[in-house]
Amino acid sequence: MRFRPVLGVILSSLLLGSAARGEVVERILAVVDGRPLMLSEVRLVQQLRGLERVPALEALVDEQLMLREASRLAQSVVSEEDEQRAYESLLQRNRNASALPEADLRRVVRRQAAILKYVEYRFRPQVQVADAAVRDAYEKEYGPRADPPSFEAAASEIRRQLADRELGEKIEAWIKELRAGAEIRYNP
């Protein structure tokens, strides 16, 4: 019990020291359905994605909304193996990531892996690319070329691109729906 006053003095001097320099240690930038989004979280998104603060904040808002939905579904649970694969992938894709705290990176990859699992479970089965759409895309892409690849050689990649585009559209619509039903407050 007698250590509490000493601890309070130490903490106060540390806080006053940083406040005297005018340094912002942490701040709430937005609140999404009662959950605060902190400056440190936004800075991490900025560093990982190379975004400015406002786009990084908007991306984090979207992720929080998607994670809220994903966490309701058992198929979105991220295993240790999923997390490790995502973590290693992040380190390979982003050279700057290794300079960031591992705990922060793991929190990001867990969140993103859960969202990805949810998307794959909920939306991927709804994506159906018709053969006619693949043929039309092939004609638009390769029709004017003098020596196009065969349709059979290009069809699987074209189908994948069309499926990814349709999946992206479904995700965008889902995010708009989530935002419409959410309470989002931004702090100046």
N, C-alpha and C. Protein backbone atom coordinates (compact mmCIF):
# COMPACT_ATOMS: atom_id res chain seq x y z
N MET A 1 0.82 -1.19 0.00
CA MET A 1 0.00 0.00 0.00
C MET A 1 0.86 1.26 0.00
N ARG A 2 2.01 1.24 0.69
CA ARG A 2 2.81 2.46 0.77
C ARG A 2 3.54 2.74 -0.55
N PHE A 3 3.52 1.79 -1.47
CA PHE A 3 4.17 2.02 -2.76
C PHE A 3 3.28 2.81 -3.71
N ARG A 4 1.98 2.85 -3.48
CA ARG A 4 1.07 3.56 -4.37
C ARG A 4 1.41 5.04 -4.50
N PRO A 5 1.68 5.78 -3.41
CA PRO A 5 2.04 7.20 -3.59
C PRO A 5 3.31 7.36 -4.44
N VAL A 6 4.28 6.49 -4.24
CA VAL A 6 5.52 6.58 -5.01
C VAL A 6 5.22 6.30 -6.48
N LEU A 7 4.43 5.27 -6.73
CA LEU A 7 4.06 4.92 -8.10
C LEU A 7 3.30 6.07 -8.75
N GLY A 8 2.41 6.69 -8.00
CA GLY A 8 1.65 7.83 -8.53
C GLY A 8 2.54 9.00 -8.89
N VAL A 9 3.55 9.27 -8.08
CA VAL A 9 4.48 10.36 -8.36
C VAL A 9 5.30 10.05 -9.60
N ILE A 10 5.74 8.82 -9.73
CA ILE A 10 6.54 8.43 -10.89
C ILE A 10 5.71 8.56 -12.16
N LEU A 11 4.49 8.02 -12.14
CA LEU A 11 3.63 8.11 -13.32
C LEU A 11 3.30 9.56 -13.65
N SER A 12 3.02 10.37 -12.63
CA SER A 12 2.70 11.78 -12.87
C SER A 12 3.87 12.50 -13.50
N SER A 13 5.08 12.24 -13.03
CA SER A 13 6.24 12.93 -13.59
C SER A 13 6.50 12.48 -15.03
N LEU A 14 6.25 11.21 -15.31
CA LEU A 14 6.41 10.74 -16.68
C LEU A 14 5.39 11.38 -17.60
N LEU A 15 4.15 11.44 -17.16
CA LEU A 15 3.11 12.05 -17.97
C LEU A 15 3.33 13.55 -18.14
N LEU A 16 3.72 14.23 -17.07
CA LEU A 16 3.97 15.66 -17.16
C LEU A 16 5.17 15.94 -18.04
N GLY A 17 6.16 15.08 -17.97
CA GLY A 17 7.36 15.27 -18.79
C GLY A 17 7.03 15.22 -20.27
N SER A 18 6.23 14.26 -20.68
CA SER A 18 5.88 14.17 -22.10
C SER A 18 4.89 15.27 -22.47
N ALA A 19 3.99 15.64 -21.57
CA ALA A 19 3.04 16.70 -21.86
C ALA A 19 3.74 18.05 -21.95
N ALA A 20 4.79 18.25 -21.15
CA ALA A 20 5.52 19.50 -21.18
C ALA A 20 6.20 19.70 -22.53
N ARG A 21 6.59 18.62 -23.17
CA ARG A 21 7.22 18.72 -24.49
C ARG A 21 6.18 18.87 -25.58
N GLY A 22 4.89 18.77 -25.25
CA GLY A 22 3.84 18.89 -26.25
C GLY A 22 3.70 17.66 -27.11
N GLU A 23 4.13 16.54 -26.63
CA GLU A 23 4.11 15.29 -27.39
C GLU A 23 2.80 14.56 -27.17
N VAL A 24 2.12 14.18 -28.27
CA VAL A 24 0.90 13.41 -28.16
C VAL A 24 1.29 11.95 -28.05
N VAL A 25 0.95 11.33 -26.93
CA VAL A 25 1.29 9.94 -26.71
C VAL A 25 0.23 9.04 -27.32
N GLU A 26 -1.03 9.35 -27.08
CA GLU A 26 -2.14 8.55 -27.60
C GLU A 26 -3.37 9.43 -27.65
N ARG A 27 -4.26 9.08 -28.56
CA ARG A 27 -5.47 9.88 -28.74
C ARG A 27 -6.53 9.04 -29.42
N ILE A 28 -7.78 9.28 -29.10
CA ILE A 28 -8.89 8.60 -29.77
C ILE A 28 -9.24 9.43 -31.00
N LEU A 29 -9.15 8.80 -32.18
CA LEU A 29 -9.47 9.51 -33.43
C LEU A 29 -10.92 9.30 -33.85
N ALA A 30 -11.48 8.16 -33.48
CA ALA A 30 -12.87 7.87 -33.83
C ALA A 30 -13.39 6.81 -32.87
N VAL A 31 -14.71 6.72 -32.82
CA VAL A 31 -15.37 5.68 -32.03
C VAL A 31 -16.35 4.99 -32.96
N VAL A 32 -16.19 3.67 -33.08
CA VAL A 32 -17.02 2.87 -33.98
C VAL A 32 -17.85 1.92 -33.13
N ASP A 33 -19.14 2.16 -33.08
CA ASP A 33 -20.05 1.35 -32.27
C ASP A 33 -19.52 1.16 -30.85
N GLY A 34 -19.05 2.25 -30.27
CA GLY A 34 -18.58 2.22 -28.89
C GLY A 34 -17.14 1.80 -28.71
N ARG A 35 -16.46 1.39 -29.77
CA ARG A 35 -15.06 0.98 -29.67
C ARG A 35 -14.16 2.10 -30.18
N PRO A 36 -13.24 2.58 -29.33
CA PRO A 36 -12.37 3.66 -29.77
C PRO A 36 -11.30 3.17 -30.75
N LEU A 37 -11.00 4.01 -31.74
CA LEU A 37 -9.90 3.76 -32.66
C LEU A 37 -8.81 4.75 -32.29
N MET A 38 -7.68 4.21 -31.90
CA MET A 38 -6.60 5.02 -31.35
C MET A 38 -5.64 5.50 -32.43
N LEU A 39 -4.98 6.60 -32.14
CA LEU A 39 -3.98 7.17 -33.02
C LEU A 39 -2.90 6.13 -33.36
N SER A 40 -2.48 5.35 -32.37
CA SER A 40 -1.43 4.36 -32.62
C SER A 40 -1.88 3.30 -33.63
N GLU A 41 -3.16 2.92 -33.58
CA GLU A 41 -3.68 1.95 -34.55
C GLU A 41 -3.67 2.53 -35.96
N VAL A 42 -4.07 3.79 -36.07
CA VAL A 42 -4.11 4.46 -37.37
C VAL A 42 -2.68 4.62 -37.91
N ARG A 43 -1.76 4.99 -37.04
CA ARG A 43 -0.36 5.11 -37.48
C ARG A 43 0.19 3.79 -37.99
N LEU A 44 -0.20 2.70 -37.35
CA LEU A 44 0.25 1.39 -37.80
C LEU A 44 -0.29 1.09 -39.21
N VAL A 45 -1.56 1.38 -39.44
CA VAL A 45 -2.15 1.19 -40.77
C VAL A 45 -1.43 2.09 -41.78
N GLN A 46 -1.13 3.32 -41.38
CA GLN A 46 -0.41 4.22 -42.27
C GLN A 46 0.94 3.62 -42.68
N GLN A 47 1.66 3.11 -41.71
CA GLN A 47 2.99 2.55 -41.99
C GLN A 47 2.91 1.30 -42.84
N LEU A 48 1.94 0.45 -42.56
CA LEU A 48 1.85 -0.81 -43.29
C LEU A 48 1.34 -0.63 -44.71
N ARG A 49 0.44 0.32 -44.91
CA ARG A 49 -0.19 0.47 -46.23
C ARG A 49 0.28 1.69 -47.00
N GLY A 50 1.10 2.53 -46.36
CA GLY A 50 1.59 3.72 -47.04
C GLY A 50 0.49 4.73 -47.31
N LEU A 51 -0.44 4.85 -46.38
CA LEU A 51 -1.57 5.77 -46.53
C LEU A 51 -1.37 7.02 -45.68
N GLU A 52 -2.06 8.08 -46.05
CA GLU A 52 -2.14 9.28 -45.22
C GLU A 52 -3.10 8.98 -44.07
N ARG A 53 -3.17 9.89 -43.10
CA ARG A 53 -3.95 9.62 -41.88
C ARG A 53 -5.43 9.39 -42.16
N VAL A 54 -6.08 10.25 -42.95
CA VAL A 54 -7.53 10.11 -43.17
C VAL A 54 -7.87 8.80 -43.88
N PRO A 55 -7.21 8.46 -44.99
CA PRO A 55 -7.51 7.16 -45.61
C PRO A 55 -7.18 5.97 -44.69
N ALA A 56 -6.14 6.10 -43.88
CA ALA A 56 -5.80 5.03 -42.94
C ALA A 56 -6.90 4.88 -41.89
N LEU A 57 -7.41 5.99 -41.40
CA LEU A 57 -8.50 5.95 -40.42
C LEU A 57 -9.74 5.31 -41.03
N GLU A 58 -10.08 5.70 -42.27
CA GLU A 58 -11.25 5.12 -42.93
C GLU A 58 -11.07 3.62 -43.15
N ALA A 59 -9.87 3.19 -43.51
CA ALA A 59 -9.60 1.76 -43.69
C ALA A 59 -9.75 1.02 -42.38
N LEU A 60 -9.29 1.63 -41.29
CA LEU A 60 -9.41 1.00 -39.97
C LEU A 60 -10.88 0.94 -39.53
N VAL A 61 -11.65 1.97 -39.82
CA VAL A 61 -13.09 1.93 -39.52
C VAL A 61 -13.73 0.75 -40.25
N ASP A 62 -13.43 0.62 -41.54
CA ASP A 62 -13.99 -0.48 -42.33
C ASP A 62 -13.58 -1.83 -41.74
N GLU A 63 -12.32 -1.97 -41.38
CA GLU A 63 -11.84 -3.24 -40.81
C GLU A 63 -12.55 -3.56 -39.50
N GLN A 64 -12.76 -2.55 -38.67
CA GLN A 64 -13.44 -2.80 -37.40
C GLN A 64 -14.87 -3.26 -37.61
N LEU A 65 -15.54 -2.64 -38.56
CA LEU A 65 -16.92 -3.04 -38.86
C LEU A 65 -16.96 -4.46 -39.42
N MET A 66 -16.04 -4.77 -40.32
CA MET A 66 -16.00 -6.12 -40.89
C MET A 66 -15.62 -7.15 -39.82
N LEU A 67 -14.68 -6.80 -38.95
CA LEU A 67 -14.28 -7.72 -37.89
C LEU A 67 -15.43 -7.99 -36.94
N ARG A 68 -16.21 -6.97 -36.65
CA ARG A 68 -17.37 -7.16 -35.76
C ARG A 68 -18.29 -8.23 -36.33
N GLU A 69 -18.55 -8.16 -37.62
CA GLU A 69 -19.41 -9.16 -38.27
C GLU A 69 -18.71 -10.52 -38.34
N ALA A 70 -17.46 -10.52 -38.69
CA ALA A 70 -16.72 -11.77 -38.83
C ALA A 70 -16.63 -12.52 -37.51
N SER A 71 -16.49 -11.79 -36.42
CA SER A 71 -16.32 -12.45 -35.12
C SER A 71 -17.58 -13.16 -34.66
N ARG A 72 -18.69 -12.94 -35.32
CA ARG A 72 -19.95 -13.62 -34.97
C ARG A 72 -20.06 -15.00 -35.60
N LEU A 73 -19.13 -15.32 -36.48
CA LEU A 73 -19.22 -16.57 -37.25
C LEU A 73 -18.06 -17.49 -36.86
N ALA A 74 -18.38 -18.69 -36.47
CA ALA A 74 -17.35 -19.64 -36.04
C ALA A 74 -16.34 -19.95 -37.14
N GLN A 75 -16.75 -19.87 -38.39
CA GLN A 75 -15.84 -20.17 -39.51
C GLN A 75 -14.76 -19.10 -39.66
N SER A 76 -14.87 -18.01 -38.95
CA SER A 76 -13.88 -16.92 -39.04
C SER A 76 -12.80 -17.00 -37.98
N VAL A 77 -12.86 -18.00 -37.13
CA VAL A 77 -11.86 -18.13 -36.08
C VAL A 77 -10.50 -18.37 -36.71
N VAL A 78 -9.52 -17.63 -36.25
CA VAL A 78 -8.17 -17.71 -36.79
C VAL A 78 -7.33 -18.63 -35.89
N SER A 79 -6.80 -19.68 -36.50
CA SER A 79 -5.94 -20.60 -35.75
C SER A 79 -4.54 -20.01 -35.63
N GLU A 80 -3.73 -20.59 -34.77
CA GLU A 80 -2.34 -20.15 -34.63
C GLU A 80 -1.59 -20.31 -35.95
N GLU A 81 -1.90 -21.39 -36.68
CA GLU A 81 -1.24 -21.61 -37.97
C GLU A 81 -1.64 -20.54 -38.98
N ASP A 82 -2.95 -20.17 -39.00
CA ASP A 82 -3.41 -19.11 -39.89
C ASP A 82 -2.69 -17.80 -39.57
N GLU A 83 -2.61 -17.51 -38.28
CA GLU A 83 -1.95 -16.28 -37.85
C GLU A 83 -0.48 -16.27 -38.25
N GLN A 84 0.20 -17.38 -38.04
CA GLN A 84 1.63 -17.45 -38.37
C GLN A 84 1.85 -17.27 -39.87
N ARG A 85 1.02 -17.95 -40.69
CA ARG A 85 1.15 -17.79 -42.15
C ARG A 85 0.92 -16.34 -42.56
N ALA A 86 -0.09 -15.72 -41.99
CA ALA A 86 -0.40 -14.33 -42.32
C ALA A 86 0.72 -13.40 -41.86
N TYR A 87 1.28 -13.68 -40.71
CA TYR A 87 2.37 -12.87 -40.17
C TYR A 87 3.61 -12.97 -41.07
N GLU A 88 3.97 -14.18 -41.45
CA GLU A 88 5.12 -14.38 -42.33
C GLU A 88 4.89 -13.75 -43.70
N SER A 89 3.67 -13.85 -44.20
CA SER A 89 3.32 -13.23 -45.47
C SER A 89 3.45 -11.71 -45.39
N LEU A 90 2.99 -11.13 -44.30
CA LEU A 90 3.10 -9.69 -44.11
C LEU A 90 4.57 -9.26 -44.11
N LEU A 91 5.41 -10.00 -43.40
CA LEU A 91 6.83 -9.66 -43.35
C LEU A 91 7.49 -9.76 -44.72
N GLN A 92 7.05 -10.73 -45.53
CA GLN A 92 7.61 -10.88 -46.87
C GLN A 92 7.14 -9.76 -47.80
N ARG A 93 5.87 -9.37 -47.70
CA ARG A 93 5.30 -8.35 -48.59
C ARG A 93 5.73 -6.93 -48.22
N ASN A 94 5.97 -6.70 -46.94
CA ASN A 94 6.23 -5.35 -46.46
C ASN A 94 7.55 -5.32 -45.69
N ARG A 95 8.57 -4.81 -46.32
CA ARG A 95 9.91 -4.79 -45.70
C ARG A 95 9.95 -3.94 -44.45
N ASN A 96 9.13 -2.91 -44.37
CA ASN A 96 9.11 -2.02 -43.20
C ASN A 96 8.47 -2.68 -41.99
N ALA A 97 7.71 -3.73 -42.20
CA ALA A 97 6.97 -4.36 -41.11
C ALA A 97 7.89 -4.92 -40.03
N SER A 98 9.05 -5.40 -40.40
CA SER A 98 9.93 -6.02 -39.41
C SER A 98 10.42 -5.01 -38.37
N ALA A 99 10.34 -3.72 -38.66
CA ALA A 99 10.76 -2.69 -37.71
C ALA A 99 9.66 -2.34 -36.71
N LEU A 100 8.46 -2.85 -36.94
CA LEU A 100 7.32 -2.55 -36.08
C LEU A 100 7.17 -3.61 -35.00
N PRO A 101 6.51 -3.27 -33.89
CA PRO A 101 6.34 -4.25 -32.80
C PRO A 101 5.56 -5.49 -33.25
N GLU A 102 6.10 -6.65 -32.93
CA GLU A 102 5.49 -7.91 -33.35
C GLU A 102 4.06 -8.05 -32.83
N ALA A 103 3.82 -7.65 -31.59
CA ALA A 103 2.46 -7.78 -31.03
C ALA A 103 1.46 -6.97 -31.84
N ASP A 104 1.85 -5.78 -32.28
CA ASP A 104 0.95 -4.96 -33.10
C ASP A 104 0.69 -5.61 -34.44
N LEU A 105 1.75 -6.14 -35.05
CA LEU A 105 1.60 -6.81 -36.34
C LEU A 105 0.72 -8.04 -36.24
N ARG A 106 0.89 -8.79 -35.19
CA ARG A 106 0.07 -10.00 -35.00
C ARG A 106 -1.40 -9.63 -34.80
N ARG A 107 -1.66 -8.54 -34.12
CA ARG A 107 -3.04 -8.08 -33.94
C ARG A 107 -3.65 -7.72 -35.31
N VAL A 108 -2.87 -7.06 -36.15
CA VAL A 108 -3.33 -6.70 -37.49
C VAL A 108 -3.60 -7.94 -38.32
N VAL A 109 -2.67 -8.90 -38.32
CA VAL A 109 -2.86 -10.08 -39.17
C VAL A 109 -3.99 -10.95 -38.66
N ARG A 110 -4.21 -11.02 -37.35
CA ARG A 110 -5.37 -11.77 -36.82
C ARG A 110 -6.67 -11.15 -37.30
N ARG A 111 -6.74 -9.83 -37.22
CA ARG A 111 -7.94 -9.11 -37.65
C ARG A 111 -8.18 -9.35 -39.14
N GLN A 112 -7.15 -9.18 -39.94
CA GLN A 112 -7.30 -9.33 -41.39
C GLN A 112 -7.57 -10.78 -41.79
N ALA A 113 -6.96 -11.73 -41.09
CA ALA A 113 -7.21 -13.14 -41.40
C ALA A 113 -8.65 -13.53 -41.07
N ALA A 114 -9.18 -13.02 -39.97
CA ALA A 114 -10.57 -13.31 -39.61
C ALA A 114 -11.52 -12.74 -40.66
N ILE A 115 -11.24 -11.52 -41.11
CA ILE A 115 -12.08 -10.89 -42.13
C ILE A 115 -12.00 -11.69 -43.42
N LEU A 116 -10.81 -12.08 -43.81
CA LEU A 116 -10.63 -12.85 -45.04
C LEU A 116 -11.37 -14.19 -44.97
N LYS A 117 -11.28 -14.87 -43.84
CA LYS A 117 -11.99 -16.14 -43.69
C LYS A 117 -13.50 -15.93 -43.80
N TYR A 118 -13.99 -14.86 -43.21
CA TYR A 118 -15.41 -14.54 -43.29
C TYR A 118 -15.83 -14.28 -44.73
N VAL A 119 -15.04 -13.48 -45.44
CA VAL A 119 -15.35 -13.15 -46.83
C VAL A 119 -15.36 -14.41 -47.68
N GLU A 120 -14.38 -15.26 -47.48
CA GLU A 120 -14.30 -16.50 -48.26
C GLU A 120 -15.51 -17.41 -47.97
N TYR A 121 -15.95 -17.43 -46.73
CA TYR A 121 -17.08 -18.28 -46.36
C TYR A 121 -18.41 -17.69 -46.83
N ARG A 122 -18.58 -16.37 -46.63
CA ARG A 122 -19.87 -15.75 -46.91
C ARG A 122 -20.06 -15.35 -48.37
N PHE A 123 -19.03 -14.79 -48.99
CA PHE A 123 -19.21 -14.21 -50.31
C PHE A 123 -18.65 -15.04 -51.46
N ARG A 124 -17.55 -15.72 -51.26
CA ARG A 124 -16.93 -16.45 -52.38
C ARG A 124 -17.89 -17.45 -53.03
N PRO A 125 -18.70 -18.20 -52.27
CA PRO A 125 -19.63 -19.13 -52.92
C PRO A 125 -20.68 -18.44 -53.80
N GLN A 126 -20.93 -17.16 -53.55
CA GLN A 126 -21.92 -16.42 -54.34
C GLN A 126 -21.36 -15.95 -55.68
N VAL A 127 -20.05 -16.01 -55.83
CA VAL A 127 -19.42 -15.52 -57.05
C VAL A 127 -19.43 -16.62 -58.10
N GLN A 128 -20.14 -16.37 -59.16
CA GLN A 128 -20.23 -17.31 -60.28
C GLN A 128 -19.94 -16.54 -61.57
N VAL A 129 -18.90 -16.93 -62.27
CA VAL A 129 -18.54 -16.27 -63.51
C VAL A 129 -18.99 -17.15 -64.66
N ALA A 130 -19.88 -16.63 -65.47
CA ALA A 130 -20.41 -17.38 -66.61
C ALA A 130 -19.36 -17.51 -67.70
N ASP A 131 -19.44 -18.61 -68.44
CA ASP A 131 -18.51 -18.83 -69.55
C ASP A 131 -18.61 -17.70 -70.57
N ALA A 132 -19.81 -17.20 -70.79
CA ALA A 132 -20.00 -16.11 -71.75
C ALA A 132 -19.26 -14.85 -71.31
N ALA A 133 -19.23 -14.59 -70.02
CA ALA A 133 -18.51 -13.42 -69.50
C ALA A 133 -17.01 -13.58 -69.71
N VAL A 134 -16.51 -14.80 -69.53
CA VAL A 134 -15.09 -15.06 -69.77
C VAL A 134 -14.78 -14.86 -71.25
N ARG A 135 -15.64 -15.37 -72.11
CA ARG A 135 -15.44 -15.23 -73.56
C ARG A 135 -15.45 -13.75 -73.95
N ASP A 136 -16.41 -12.98 -73.43
CA ASP A 136 -16.48 -11.54 -73.74
C ASP A 136 -15.23 -10.80 -73.28
N ALA A 137 -14.77 -11.12 -72.07
CA ALA A 137 -13.56 -10.47 -71.54
C ALA A 137 -12.34 -10.84 -72.39
N TYR A 138 -12.28 -12.09 -72.84
CA TYR A 138 -11.18 -12.53 -73.71
C TYR A 138 -11.20 -11.72 -75.00
N GLU A 139 -12.37 -11.56 -75.59
CA GLU A 139 -12.49 -10.82 -76.86
C GLU A 139 -12.08 -9.35 -76.68
N LYS A 140 -12.48 -8.75 -75.55
CA LYS A 140 -12.12 -7.35 -75.30
C LYS A 140 -10.62 -7.20 -75.09
N GLU A 141 -10.04 -8.14 -74.38
CA GLU A 141 -8.61 -8.07 -74.06
C GLU A 141 -7.73 -8.44 -75.24
N TYR A 142 -8.06 -9.53 -75.91
CA TYR A 142 -7.15 -10.09 -76.91
C TYR A 142 -7.65 -9.99 -78.35
N GLY A 143 -8.89 -9.57 -78.56
CA GLY A 143 -9.45 -9.50 -79.90
C GLY A 143 -8.62 -8.69 -80.88
N PRO A 144 -8.18 -7.49 -80.49
CA PRO A 144 -7.44 -6.66 -81.44
C PRO A 144 -5.97 -7.08 -81.64
N ARG A 145 -5.46 -7.97 -80.82
CA ARG A 145 -4.05 -8.37 -80.94
C ARG A 145 -3.81 -9.27 -82.14
N ALA A 146 -2.60 -9.14 -82.66
CA ALA A 146 -2.23 -9.96 -83.83
C ALA A 146 -1.95 -11.41 -83.45
N ASP A 147 -1.34 -11.62 -82.29
CA ASP A 147 -1.01 -13.00 -81.88
C ASP A 147 -1.47 -13.26 -80.45
N PRO A 148 -2.77 -13.36 -80.24
CA PRO A 148 -3.29 -13.56 -78.88
C PRO A 148 -3.03 -15.00 -78.41
N PRO A 149 -2.98 -15.18 -77.08
CA PRO A 149 -2.90 -16.56 -76.58
C PRO A 149 -4.22 -17.26 -76.87
N SER A 150 -4.20 -18.55 -76.83
CA SER A 150 -5.44 -19.29 -77.07
C SER A 150 -6.43 -19.01 -75.94
N PHE A 151 -7.69 -19.14 -76.25
CA PHE A 151 -8.73 -18.93 -75.24
C PHE A 151 -8.50 -19.86 -74.06
N GLU A 152 -8.19 -21.11 -74.33
CA GLU A 152 -7.98 -22.10 -73.28
C GLU A 152 -6.82 -21.71 -72.37
N ALA A 153 -5.77 -21.12 -72.94
CA ALA A 153 -4.61 -20.72 -72.14
C ALA A 153 -4.92 -19.51 -71.25
N ALA A 154 -5.78 -18.62 -71.71
CA ALA A 154 -6.07 -17.39 -70.98
C ALA A 154 -7.32 -17.46 -70.11
N ALA A 155 -8.18 -18.44 -70.34
CA ALA A 155 -9.50 -18.47 -69.69
C ALA A 155 -9.43 -18.53 -68.17
N SER A 156 -8.55 -19.35 -67.60
CA SER A 156 -8.54 -19.48 -66.13
C SER A 156 -8.13 -18.17 -65.46
N GLU A 157 -7.14 -17.47 -66.02
CA GLU A 157 -6.73 -16.18 -65.44
C GLU A 157 -7.83 -15.14 -65.60
N ILE A 158 -8.48 -15.11 -66.74
CA ILE A 158 -9.59 -14.18 -66.96
C ILE A 158 -10.72 -14.48 -65.98
N ARG A 159 -11.04 -15.75 -65.80
CA ARG A 159 -12.10 -16.14 -64.86
C ARG A 159 -11.75 -15.70 -63.44
N ARG A 160 -10.49 -15.87 -63.05
CA ARG A 160 -10.04 -15.45 -61.71
C ARG A 160 -10.18 -13.95 -61.55
N GLN A 161 -9.78 -13.17 -62.56
CA GLN A 161 -9.88 -11.72 -62.49
C GLN A 161 -11.33 -11.26 -62.40
N LEU A 162 -12.19 -11.87 -63.18
CA LEU A 162 -13.62 -11.52 -63.13
C LEU A 162 -14.23 -11.89 -61.77
N ALA A 163 -13.84 -13.03 -61.25
CA ALA A 163 -14.34 -13.46 -59.93
C ALA A 163 -13.86 -12.51 -58.84
N ASP A 164 -12.58 -12.12 -58.90
CA ASP A 164 -12.05 -11.18 -57.92
C ASP A 164 -12.75 -9.83 -58.00
N ARG A 165 -13.03 -9.38 -59.21
CA ARG A 165 -13.75 -8.11 -59.38
C ARG A 165 -15.14 -8.20 -58.77
N GLU A 166 -15.85 -9.30 -59.05
CA GLU A 166 -17.20 -9.47 -58.50
C GLU A 166 -17.15 -9.57 -56.97
N LEU A 167 -16.16 -10.28 -56.45
CA LEU A 167 -16.00 -10.39 -55.00
C LEU A 167 -15.74 -9.01 -54.40
N GLY A 168 -14.89 -8.23 -55.05
CA GLY A 168 -14.62 -6.87 -54.58
C GLY A 168 -15.87 -6.01 -54.54
N GLU A 169 -16.72 -6.16 -55.54
CA GLU A 169 -17.99 -5.41 -55.56
C GLU A 169 -18.89 -5.83 -54.41
N LYS A 170 -18.93 -7.12 -54.13
CA LYS A 170 -19.74 -7.61 -53.01
C LYS A 170 -19.22 -7.08 -51.69
N ILE A 171 -17.90 -7.04 -51.54
CA ILE A 171 -17.30 -6.52 -50.31
C ILE A 171 -17.59 -5.04 -50.15
N GLU A 172 -17.47 -4.27 -51.24
CA GLU A 172 -17.78 -2.83 -51.17
C GLU A 172 -19.23 -2.60 -50.76
N ALA A 173 -20.15 -3.36 -51.32
CA ALA A 173 -21.56 -3.23 -50.96
C ALA A 173 -21.77 -3.59 -49.49
N TRP A 174 -21.08 -4.63 -49.03
CA TRP A 174 -21.17 -5.05 -47.64
C TRP A 174 -20.67 -3.95 -46.71
N ILE A 175 -19.54 -3.32 -47.06
CA ILE A 175 -18.99 -2.24 -46.23
C ILE A 175 -19.96 -1.07 -46.17
N LYS A 176 -20.57 -0.71 -47.29
CA LYS A 176 -21.56 0.38 -47.28
C LYS A 176 -22.72 0.04 -46.36
N GLU A 177 -23.15 -1.22 -46.40
CA GLU A 177 -24.23 -1.67 -45.53
C GLU A 177 -23.81 -1.59 -44.06
N LEU A 178 -22.59 -2.03 -43.76
CA LEU A 178 -22.10 -1.98 -42.39
C LEU A 178 -22.00 -0.54 -41.89
N ARG A 179 -21.49 0.34 -42.73
CA ARG A 179 -21.36 1.75 -42.34
C ARG A 179 -22.72 2.39 -42.11
N ALA A 180 -23.70 2.02 -42.95
CA ALA A 180 -25.04 2.60 -42.81
C ALA A 180 -25.67 2.21 -41.47
N GLY A 181 -25.35 1.03 -40.96
CA GLY A 181 -25.94 0.57 -39.72
C GLY A 181 -25.09 0.82 -38.50
N ALA A 182 -23.96 1.50 -38.67
CA ALA A 182 -23.03 1.70 -37.56
C ALA A 182 -23.10 3.11 -37.02
N GLU A 183 -22.68 3.25 -35.79
CA GLU A 183 -22.53 4.57 -35.19
C GLU A 183 -21.04 4.89 -35.21
N ILE A 184 -20.68 5.87 -36.04
CA ILE A 184 -19.27 6.25 -36.19
C ILE A 184 -19.15 7.72 -35.82
N ARG A 185 -18.30 7.99 -34.84
CA ARG A 185 -18.05 9.37 -34.40
C ARG A 185 -16.56 9.66 -34.58
N TYR A 186 -16.28 10.76 -35.24
CA TYR A 186 -14.89 11.18 -35.45
C TYR A 186 -14.55 12.28 -34.47
N ASN A 187 -13.36 12.23 -33.92
CA ASN A 187 -12.90 13.29 -33.02
C ASN A 187 -12.01 14.23 -33.82
N PRO A 188 -12.19 15.54 -33.62
CA PRO A 188 -11.38 16.51 -34.38
C PRO A 188 -9.91 16.47 -33.97
